[in-house]
Amino acid sequence: MIRNRKLPLMEITLLAVWLVVNESLALHQWLLGALFALLAGRLARALRPHEARPRRLDVALLLCWHVFCDVVRSNIAVGQIILGATRQQPKVGFMEIPLDLRDPHGLAALSIIITATPGTVFAGLDPATNVLTLHVLDLQDEATWLRTIKDRYERPLMEIFNDEASG
């Protein structure tokens, strides 16, 4: 009977990186790399609460496009602030956003998206209330930020990671 086993992508990637870093395809490098990859893969899996099971590639691609556009737009806005192209002083501030997203992989992706966007930092998440604290360089309109985080990022992440709160 054949079991449905997934390809060990982490181990294969670690082995490939080992071989590239050591600039050798010698047998002993293959053996050392395989040993390293198997041990590191086992240790890494023990640290993860559960495996990510992303779905909805179409939603993920659209989210990537939105993030790309937002990063470009934010780079321009932050550049204008830094270069003094805007006469208006930025309103630096923190805001709190209640999240429905609970999946740890989705929350990690949200923190990366927010922090990768110039002018914003994922400043914290209260696990008891699931409230995100966001630091914004130019906090002119909190309602717009709230809609952006909830509609443009959180909702697609809930679909991608099939978060139970999205139902």
N, C-alpha and C. Protein backbone atom coordinates (compact mmCIF):
# COMPACT_ATOMS: atom_id res chain seq x y z
N MET A 1 0.84 -1.17 0.00
CA MET A 1 0.00 0.00 0.00
C MET A 1 0.89 1.25 0.00
N ILE A 2 0.61 2.20 -0.88
CA ILE A 2 1.39 3.42 -0.98
C ILE A 2 0.72 4.50 -0.13
N ARG A 3 1.53 5.07 0.76
CA ARG A 3 1.00 6.16 1.60
C ARG A 3 1.17 7.49 0.88
N ASN A 4 0.26 8.39 1.15
CA ASN A 4 0.33 9.71 0.55
C ASN A 4 1.27 10.58 1.38
N ARG A 5 2.54 10.63 0.96
CA ARG A 5 3.54 11.42 1.68
C ARG A 5 3.88 12.66 0.87
N LYS A 6 4.08 13.74 1.58
CA LYS A 6 4.45 14.97 0.92
C LYS A 6 5.95 15.01 0.70
N LEU A 7 6.36 15.69 -0.34
CA LEU A 7 7.77 15.87 -0.64
C LEU A 7 8.40 16.71 0.47
N PRO A 8 9.53 16.27 1.02
CA PRO A 8 10.17 17.04 2.11
C PRO A 8 10.91 18.26 1.57
N LEU A 9 10.15 19.30 1.22
CA LEU A 9 10.73 20.48 0.58
C LEU A 9 11.77 21.18 1.47
N MET A 10 11.52 21.23 2.76
CA MET A 10 12.47 21.90 3.64
C MET A 10 13.81 21.18 3.61
N GLU A 11 13.79 19.86 3.71
CA GLU A 11 15.02 19.10 3.72
C GLU A 11 15.76 19.19 2.39
N ILE A 12 15.01 19.13 1.29
CA ILE A 12 15.63 19.24 -0.03
C ILE A 12 16.27 20.62 -0.19
N THR A 13 15.58 21.65 0.25
CA THR A 13 16.12 23.01 0.16
C THR A 13 17.37 23.16 1.02
N LEU A 14 17.33 22.64 2.24
CA LEU A 14 18.50 22.71 3.11
C LEU A 14 19.69 21.97 2.52
N LEU A 15 19.46 20.81 1.94
CA LEU A 15 20.53 20.06 1.29
C LEU A 15 21.11 20.85 0.12
N ALA A 16 20.25 21.43 -0.69
CA ALA A 16 20.71 22.23 -1.83
C ALA A 16 21.54 23.42 -1.37
N VAL A 17 21.07 24.10 -0.33
CA VAL A 17 21.82 25.25 0.20
C VAL A 17 23.17 24.79 0.74
N TRP A 18 23.19 23.65 1.43
CA TRP A 18 24.44 23.10 1.96
C TRP A 18 25.45 22.88 0.84
N LEU A 19 24.99 22.27 -0.24
CA LEU A 19 25.88 21.99 -1.36
C LEU A 19 26.38 23.26 -2.04
N VAL A 20 25.51 24.24 -2.16
CA VAL A 20 25.91 25.51 -2.77
C VAL A 20 26.90 26.24 -1.89
N VAL A 21 26.63 26.31 -0.60
CA VAL A 21 27.52 27.03 0.32
C VAL A 21 28.90 26.37 0.36
N ASN A 22 28.92 25.04 0.33
CA ASN A 22 30.20 24.33 0.39
C ASN A 22 30.87 24.19 -0.98
N GLU A 23 30.19 24.64 -2.03
CA GLU A 23 30.72 24.62 -3.39
C GLU A 23 31.31 23.27 -3.75
N SER A 24 30.57 22.20 -3.42
CA SER A 24 31.07 20.87 -3.68
C SER A 24 29.92 19.89 -3.88
N LEU A 25 30.13 18.97 -4.80
CA LEU A 25 29.17 17.89 -5.01
C LEU A 25 29.79 16.56 -4.61
N ALA A 26 30.82 16.63 -3.78
CA ALA A 26 31.50 15.41 -3.32
C ALA A 26 30.55 14.58 -2.46
N LEU A 27 30.77 13.27 -2.45
CA LEU A 27 29.90 12.36 -1.71
C LEU A 27 29.82 12.73 -0.23
N HIS A 28 30.95 13.08 0.37
CA HIS A 28 30.91 13.41 1.80
C HIS A 28 30.08 14.66 2.07
N GLN A 29 30.05 15.61 1.13
CA GLN A 29 29.21 16.80 1.29
C GLN A 29 27.73 16.44 1.16
N TRP A 30 27.41 15.51 0.27
CA TRP A 30 26.03 15.04 0.15
C TRP A 30 25.58 14.39 1.45
N LEU A 31 26.46 13.56 2.02
CA LEU A 31 26.10 12.86 3.26
C LEU A 31 25.97 13.82 4.43
N LEU A 32 26.95 14.73 4.59
CA LEU A 32 26.86 15.72 5.67
C LEU A 32 25.64 16.63 5.49
N GLY A 33 25.41 17.06 4.25
CA GLY A 33 24.27 17.92 3.96
C GLY A 33 22.94 17.23 4.25
N ALA A 34 22.86 15.95 3.88
CA ALA A 34 21.62 15.19 4.14
C ALA A 34 21.39 15.03 5.63
N LEU A 35 22.45 14.73 6.36
CA LEU A 35 22.34 14.60 7.82
C LEU A 35 21.89 15.93 8.44
N PHE A 36 22.52 17.02 8.03
CA PHE A 36 22.15 18.34 8.51
C PHE A 36 20.69 18.65 8.17
N ALA A 37 20.30 18.39 6.93
CA ALA A 37 18.94 18.70 6.47
C ALA A 37 17.90 17.90 7.26
N LEU A 38 18.17 16.63 7.49
CA LEU A 38 17.21 15.80 8.24
C LEU A 38 17.09 16.25 9.69
N LEU A 39 18.22 16.53 10.33
CA LEU A 39 18.17 16.98 11.73
C LEU A 39 17.52 18.36 11.86
N ALA A 40 17.92 19.29 11.01
CA ALA A 40 17.36 20.64 11.06
C ALA A 40 15.86 20.62 10.73
N GLY A 41 15.47 19.79 9.77
CA GLY A 41 14.06 19.68 9.42
C GLY A 41 13.23 19.15 10.57
N ARG A 42 13.75 18.14 11.25
CA ARG A 42 13.03 17.57 12.39
C ARG A 42 12.93 18.59 13.53
N LEU A 43 14.00 19.31 13.81
CA LEU A 43 13.98 20.33 14.87
C LEU A 43 13.02 21.47 14.52
N ALA A 44 13.04 21.89 13.27
CA ALA A 44 12.15 22.99 12.86
C ALA A 44 10.69 22.59 12.97
N ARG A 45 10.36 21.37 12.60
CA ARG A 45 8.97 20.92 12.70
C ARG A 45 8.49 20.85 14.14
N ALA A 46 9.41 20.53 15.05
CA ALA A 46 9.03 20.45 16.47
C ALA A 46 8.68 21.83 17.03
N LEU A 47 9.20 22.88 16.42
CA LEU A 47 8.94 24.25 16.90
C LEU A 47 7.63 24.83 16.36
N ARG A 48 7.07 24.22 15.34
CA ARG A 48 5.87 24.78 14.72
C ARG A 48 4.62 24.23 15.38
N PRO A 49 3.66 25.10 15.72
CA PRO A 49 2.43 24.62 16.36
C PRO A 49 1.62 23.71 15.44
N HIS A 50 1.52 24.08 14.17
CA HIS A 50 0.86 23.24 13.18
C HIS A 50 1.34 23.69 11.80
N GLU A 51 1.19 22.81 10.87
CA GLU A 51 1.67 23.08 9.53
C GLU A 51 0.75 24.05 8.80
N ALA A 52 1.36 24.94 8.02
CA ALA A 52 0.56 25.87 7.22
C ALA A 52 -0.10 25.11 6.09
N ARG A 53 -1.34 25.42 5.84
CA ARG A 53 -2.07 24.82 4.74
C ARG A 53 -2.75 25.93 3.92
N PRO A 54 -1.91 26.69 3.21
CA PRO A 54 -2.49 27.79 2.43
C PRO A 54 -3.36 27.27 1.29
N ARG A 55 -4.41 28.00 1.00
CA ARG A 55 -5.35 27.68 -0.07
C ARG A 55 -5.56 28.95 -0.89
N ARG A 56 -6.37 28.83 -1.90
CA ARG A 56 -6.79 29.98 -2.70
C ARG A 56 -5.61 30.75 -3.31
N LEU A 57 -4.92 30.11 -4.24
CA LEU A 57 -3.80 30.74 -4.93
C LEU A 57 -4.23 32.04 -5.60
N ASP A 58 -5.44 32.09 -6.13
CA ASP A 58 -5.93 33.31 -6.78
C ASP A 58 -5.99 34.48 -5.80
N VAL A 59 -6.46 34.21 -4.59
CA VAL A 59 -6.53 35.26 -3.56
C VAL A 59 -5.12 35.66 -3.13
N ALA A 60 -4.22 34.68 -3.03
CA ALA A 60 -2.83 34.97 -2.64
C ALA A 60 -2.15 35.85 -3.68
N LEU A 61 -2.37 35.57 -4.95
CA LEU A 61 -1.76 36.39 -6.01
C LEU A 61 -2.32 37.81 -5.99
N LEU A 62 -3.61 37.94 -5.79
CA LEU A 62 -4.21 39.27 -5.70
C LEU A 62 -3.68 40.03 -4.48
N LEU A 63 -3.53 39.33 -3.36
CA LEU A 63 -2.96 39.95 -2.17
C LEU A 63 -1.53 40.43 -2.44
N CYS A 64 -0.74 39.61 -3.11
CA CYS A 64 0.64 40.00 -3.45
C CYS A 64 0.64 41.27 -4.31
N TRP A 65 -0.28 41.34 -5.26
CA TRP A 65 -0.38 42.53 -6.11
C TRP A 65 -0.75 43.77 -5.26
N HIS A 66 -1.72 43.62 -4.37
CA HIS A 66 -2.11 44.74 -3.50
C HIS A 66 -0.93 45.19 -2.64
N VAL A 67 -0.21 44.22 -2.08
CA VAL A 67 0.94 44.56 -1.24
C VAL A 67 2.00 45.28 -2.06
N PHE A 68 2.28 44.78 -3.26
CA PHE A 68 3.25 45.44 -4.13
C PHE A 68 2.85 46.89 -4.40
N CYS A 69 1.59 47.10 -4.79
CA CYS A 69 1.11 48.47 -5.07
C CYS A 69 1.20 49.35 -3.82
N ASP A 70 0.83 48.80 -2.67
CA ASP A 70 0.88 49.58 -1.42
C ASP A 70 2.31 49.92 -1.03
N VAL A 71 3.24 49.00 -1.26
CA VAL A 71 4.65 49.26 -0.94
C VAL A 71 5.19 50.37 -1.83
N VAL A 72 4.87 50.32 -3.12
CA VAL A 72 5.32 51.37 -4.04
C VAL A 72 4.72 52.71 -3.63
N ARG A 73 3.41 52.73 -3.38
CA ARG A 73 2.73 53.97 -2.99
C ARG A 73 3.32 54.52 -1.68
N SER A 74 3.58 53.64 -0.73
CA SER A 74 4.13 54.07 0.55
C SER A 74 5.56 54.57 0.42
N ASN A 75 6.33 53.93 -0.46
CA ASN A 75 7.69 54.42 -0.69
C ASN A 75 7.68 55.84 -1.21
N ILE A 76 6.79 56.13 -2.12
CA ILE A 76 6.67 57.48 -2.66
C ILE A 76 6.25 58.46 -1.57
N ALA A 77 5.25 58.09 -0.78
CA ALA A 77 4.75 58.97 0.29
C ALA A 77 5.82 59.23 1.34
N VAL A 78 6.53 58.17 1.77
CA VAL A 78 7.58 58.34 2.78
C VAL A 78 8.74 59.16 2.20
N GLY A 79 9.06 58.92 0.94
CA GLY A 79 10.11 59.71 0.28
C GLY A 79 9.76 61.19 0.24
N GLN A 80 8.51 61.50 -0.04
CA GLN A 80 8.08 62.90 -0.05
C GLN A 80 8.19 63.52 1.34
N ILE A 81 7.84 62.75 2.36
CA ILE A 81 7.95 63.27 3.74
C ILE A 81 9.42 63.52 4.09
N ILE A 82 10.27 62.56 3.77
CA ILE A 82 11.70 62.69 4.10
C ILE A 82 12.35 63.84 3.35
N LEU A 83 12.00 64.00 2.07
CA LEU A 83 12.60 65.05 1.26
C LEU A 83 11.94 66.41 1.46
N GLY A 84 10.90 66.45 2.28
CA GLY A 84 10.23 67.71 2.56
C GLY A 84 9.37 68.19 1.41
N ALA A 85 8.94 67.29 0.54
CA ALA A 85 8.12 67.67 -0.60
C ALA A 85 6.69 68.02 -0.19
N THR A 86 6.30 67.59 1.00
CA THR A 86 4.97 67.95 1.49
C THR A 86 5.14 69.02 2.56
N ARG A 87 4.29 70.00 2.53
CA ARG A 87 4.38 71.08 3.52
C ARG A 87 3.77 70.68 4.85
N GLN A 88 2.92 69.69 4.79
CA GLN A 88 2.22 69.24 5.98
C GLN A 88 3.12 68.29 6.79
N GLN A 89 3.21 68.54 8.09
CA GLN A 89 3.97 67.66 8.97
C GLN A 89 3.23 66.34 9.12
N PRO A 90 3.94 65.23 9.10
CA PRO A 90 3.26 63.95 9.29
C PRO A 90 2.71 63.83 10.71
N LYS A 91 1.58 63.16 10.82
CA LYS A 91 0.96 62.93 12.12
C LYS A 91 1.32 61.50 12.54
N VAL A 92 2.42 61.38 13.28
CA VAL A 92 2.90 60.08 13.72
C VAL A 92 2.01 59.59 14.85
N GLY A 93 1.66 58.30 14.81
CA GLY A 93 0.82 57.80 15.89
C GLY A 93 0.64 56.30 15.88
N PHE A 94 0.03 55.84 16.94
CA PHE A 94 -0.32 54.43 17.09
C PHE A 94 -1.82 54.31 16.97
N MET A 95 -2.26 53.18 16.47
CA MET A 95 -3.69 52.90 16.45
C MET A 95 -3.89 51.42 16.76
N GLU A 96 -5.06 51.11 17.25
CA GLU A 96 -5.39 49.72 17.59
C GLU A 96 -6.45 49.22 16.64
N ILE A 97 -6.23 47.99 16.14
CA ILE A 97 -7.15 47.40 15.19
C ILE A 97 -7.55 46.02 15.70
N PRO A 98 -8.83 45.81 15.98
CA PRO A 98 -9.27 44.47 16.40
C PRO A 98 -9.23 43.53 15.20
N LEU A 99 -8.61 42.38 15.39
CA LEU A 99 -8.47 41.41 14.30
C LEU A 99 -9.40 40.22 14.51
N ASP A 100 -9.88 39.68 13.39
CA ASP A 100 -10.64 38.44 13.41
C ASP A 100 -9.72 37.27 13.08
N LEU A 101 -8.62 37.55 12.41
CA LEU A 101 -7.65 36.54 12.01
C LEU A 101 -7.00 35.92 13.24
N ARG A 102 -6.97 34.59 13.29
CA ARG A 102 -6.39 33.87 14.42
C ARG A 102 -5.27 32.92 14.00
N ASP A 103 -5.25 32.52 12.75
CA ASP A 103 -4.25 31.57 12.28
C ASP A 103 -2.84 32.15 12.46
N PRO A 104 -1.93 31.42 13.12
CA PRO A 104 -0.60 31.97 13.37
C PRO A 104 0.18 32.26 12.09
N HIS A 105 -0.04 31.49 11.03
CA HIS A 105 0.64 31.74 9.77
C HIS A 105 0.09 33.00 9.11
N GLY A 106 -1.22 33.19 9.19
CA GLY A 106 -1.83 34.40 8.65
C GLY A 106 -1.39 35.64 9.42
N LEU A 107 -1.30 35.51 10.75
CA LEU A 107 -0.82 36.64 11.56
C LEU A 107 0.63 36.97 11.25
N ALA A 108 1.45 35.93 11.04
CA ALA A 108 2.85 36.17 10.66
C ALA A 108 2.92 36.88 9.32
N ALA A 109 2.11 36.44 8.36
CA ALA A 109 2.09 37.09 7.05
C ALA A 109 1.62 38.54 7.17
N LEU A 110 0.62 38.79 8.00
CA LEU A 110 0.14 40.15 8.20
C LEU A 110 1.23 41.03 8.80
N SER A 111 1.97 40.51 9.76
CA SER A 111 3.04 41.30 10.37
C SER A 111 4.13 41.63 9.35
N ILE A 112 4.43 40.69 8.48
CA ILE A 112 5.43 40.92 7.43
C ILE A 112 4.93 41.97 6.44
N ILE A 113 3.68 41.85 6.03
CA ILE A 113 3.11 42.81 5.08
C ILE A 113 3.15 44.22 5.66
N ILE A 114 2.70 44.36 6.89
CA ILE A 114 2.63 45.68 7.50
C ILE A 114 4.02 46.27 7.69
N THR A 115 4.95 45.48 8.19
CA THR A 115 6.29 45.98 8.46
C THR A 115 7.06 46.23 7.17
N ALA A 116 6.77 45.49 6.10
CA ALA A 116 7.44 45.70 4.82
C ALA A 116 6.94 46.94 4.10
N THR A 117 5.80 47.45 4.52
CA THR A 117 5.25 48.65 3.90
C THR A 117 5.84 49.87 4.60
N PRO A 118 6.61 50.69 3.87
CA PRO A 118 7.23 51.86 4.50
C PRO A 118 6.20 52.76 5.18
N GLY A 119 6.56 53.23 6.36
CA GLY A 119 5.69 54.12 7.11
C GLY A 119 4.81 53.41 8.11
N THR A 120 4.85 52.08 8.15
CA THR A 120 4.05 51.32 9.11
C THR A 120 4.90 50.26 9.79
N VAL A 121 4.56 49.96 11.03
CA VAL A 121 5.23 48.90 11.78
C VAL A 121 4.18 48.15 12.58
N PHE A 122 4.23 46.83 12.52
CA PHE A 122 3.40 45.96 13.34
C PHE A 122 3.99 46.05 14.75
N ALA A 123 3.39 46.88 15.61
CA ALA A 123 4.00 47.19 16.91
C ALA A 123 3.64 46.19 18.00
N GLY A 124 2.63 45.38 17.79
CA GLY A 124 2.28 44.39 18.81
C GLY A 124 0.92 43.80 18.56
N LEU A 125 0.71 42.64 19.20
CA LEU A 125 -0.58 41.97 19.12
C LEU A 125 -0.89 41.43 20.51
N ASP A 126 -2.01 41.87 21.05
CA ASP A 126 -2.44 41.38 22.36
C ASP A 126 -3.15 40.04 22.16
N PRO A 127 -2.54 38.94 22.63
CA PRO A 127 -3.15 37.63 22.39
C PRO A 127 -4.49 37.44 23.09
N ALA A 128 -4.71 38.14 24.18
CA ALA A 128 -5.97 37.98 24.92
C ALA A 128 -7.15 38.61 24.16
N THR A 129 -6.92 39.78 23.58
CA THR A 129 -8.00 40.49 22.89
C THR A 129 -7.89 40.42 21.37
N ASN A 130 -6.75 39.94 20.85
CA ASN A 130 -6.46 39.87 19.42
C ASN A 130 -6.54 41.26 18.78
N VAL A 131 -5.99 42.25 19.49
CA VAL A 131 -5.95 43.61 18.99
C VAL A 131 -4.53 43.93 18.54
N LEU A 132 -4.42 44.36 17.29
CA LEU A 132 -3.15 44.74 16.69
C LEU A 132 -2.85 46.19 17.04
N THR A 133 -1.63 46.46 17.47
CA THR A 133 -1.17 47.84 17.64
C THR A 133 -0.29 48.16 16.45
N LEU A 134 -0.66 49.21 15.74
CA LEU A 134 0.01 49.59 14.51
C LEU A 134 0.62 50.97 14.69
N HIS A 135 1.89 51.11 14.32
CA HIS A 135 2.54 52.43 14.33
C HIS A 135 2.55 52.94 12.90
N VAL A 136 2.08 54.17 12.73
CA VAL A 136 1.96 54.75 11.39
C VAL A 136 2.71 56.08 11.36
N LEU A 137 3.53 56.26 10.33
CA LEU A 137 4.29 57.49 10.19
C LEU A 137 3.39 58.68 9.89
N ASP A 138 2.37 58.48 9.07
CA ASP A 138 1.48 59.59 8.70
C ASP A 138 0.03 59.14 8.90
N LEU A 139 -0.43 59.29 10.12
CA LEU A 139 -1.75 58.81 10.52
C LEU A 139 -2.78 59.93 10.38
N GLN A 140 -3.16 60.21 9.13
CA GLN A 140 -4.13 61.27 8.87
C GLN A 140 -5.57 60.79 9.04
N ASP A 141 -5.83 59.56 8.60
CA ASP A 141 -7.20 59.06 8.59
C ASP A 141 -7.22 57.63 9.12
N GLU A 142 -7.58 57.46 10.39
CA GLU A 142 -7.60 56.14 11.01
C GLU A 142 -8.59 55.20 10.34
N ALA A 143 -9.71 55.71 9.88
CA ALA A 143 -10.72 54.86 9.24
C ALA A 143 -10.17 54.22 7.96
N THR A 144 -9.38 54.97 7.21
CA THR A 144 -8.78 54.43 5.99
C THR A 144 -7.79 53.32 6.33
N TRP A 145 -6.98 53.55 7.37
CA TRP A 145 -6.04 52.51 7.79
C TRP A 145 -6.78 51.26 8.25
N LEU A 146 -7.83 51.46 9.00
CA LEU A 146 -8.62 50.33 9.49
C LEU A 146 -9.18 49.51 8.32
N ARG A 147 -9.77 50.20 7.34
CA ARG A 147 -10.31 49.51 6.16
C ARG A 147 -9.21 48.80 5.38
N THR A 148 -8.06 49.44 5.24
CA THR A 148 -6.96 48.84 4.50
C THR A 148 -6.50 47.55 5.16
N ILE A 149 -6.28 47.58 6.46
CA ILE A 149 -5.80 46.39 7.16
C ILE A 149 -6.86 45.30 7.14
N LYS A 150 -8.10 45.64 7.44
CA LYS A 150 -9.16 44.64 7.52
C LYS A 150 -9.55 44.07 6.14
N ASP A 151 -9.77 44.95 5.17
CA ASP A 151 -10.29 44.50 3.87
C ASP A 151 -9.20 44.04 2.91
N ARG A 152 -8.11 44.78 2.85
CA ARG A 152 -7.07 44.49 1.85
C ARG A 152 -6.11 43.39 2.29
N TYR A 153 -5.91 43.24 3.62
CA TYR A 153 -4.93 42.27 4.10
C TYR A 153 -5.55 41.14 4.92
N GLU A 154 -6.31 41.50 5.96
CA GLU A 154 -6.82 40.47 6.87
C GLU A 154 -7.80 39.52 6.17
N ARG A 155 -8.77 40.07 5.47
CA ARG A 155 -9.79 39.21 4.83
C ARG A 155 -9.16 38.22 3.84
N PRO A 156 -8.26 38.66 2.95
CA PRO A 156 -7.63 37.67 2.06
C PRO A 156 -6.79 36.64 2.81
N LEU A 157 -6.09 37.06 3.86
CA LEU A 157 -5.29 36.11 4.63
C LEU A 157 -6.17 35.06 5.30
N MET A 158 -7.35 35.46 5.72
CA MET A 158 -8.28 34.50 6.31
C MET A 158 -8.75 33.48 5.27
N GLU A 159 -8.93 33.93 4.03
CA GLU A 159 -9.30 33.00 2.96
C GLU A 159 -8.14 32.08 2.61
N ILE A 160 -6.95 32.64 2.53
CA ILE A 160 -5.77 31.86 2.14
C ILE A 160 -5.47 30.78 3.17
N PHE A 161 -5.55 31.13 4.45
CA PHE A 161 -5.21 30.18 5.50
C PHE A 161 -6.45 29.50 6.07
N ASN A 162 -7.60 29.70 5.42
CA ASN A 162 -8.85 29.04 5.81
C ASN A 162 -9.07 29.16 7.32
N ASP A 163 -8.92 30.37 7.82
CA ASP A 163 -9.06 30.63 9.25
C ASP A 163 -10.51 30.37 9.66
N GLU A 164 -10.69 29.66 10.76
CA GLU A 164 -12.05 29.30 11.23
C GLU A 164 -12.88 30.53 11.55
N ALA A 165 -12.25 31.65 11.87
CA ALA A 165 -13.00 32.86 12.19
C ALA A 165 -13.58 33.50 10.95
N SER A 166 -13.10 33.06 9.76
CA SER A 166 -13.58 33.69 8.52
C SER A 166 -14.95 33.20 8.09
N GLY A 167 -15.40 32.10 8.71
CA GLY A 167 -16.67 31.51 8.29
C GLY A 167 -17.81 32.35 8.61
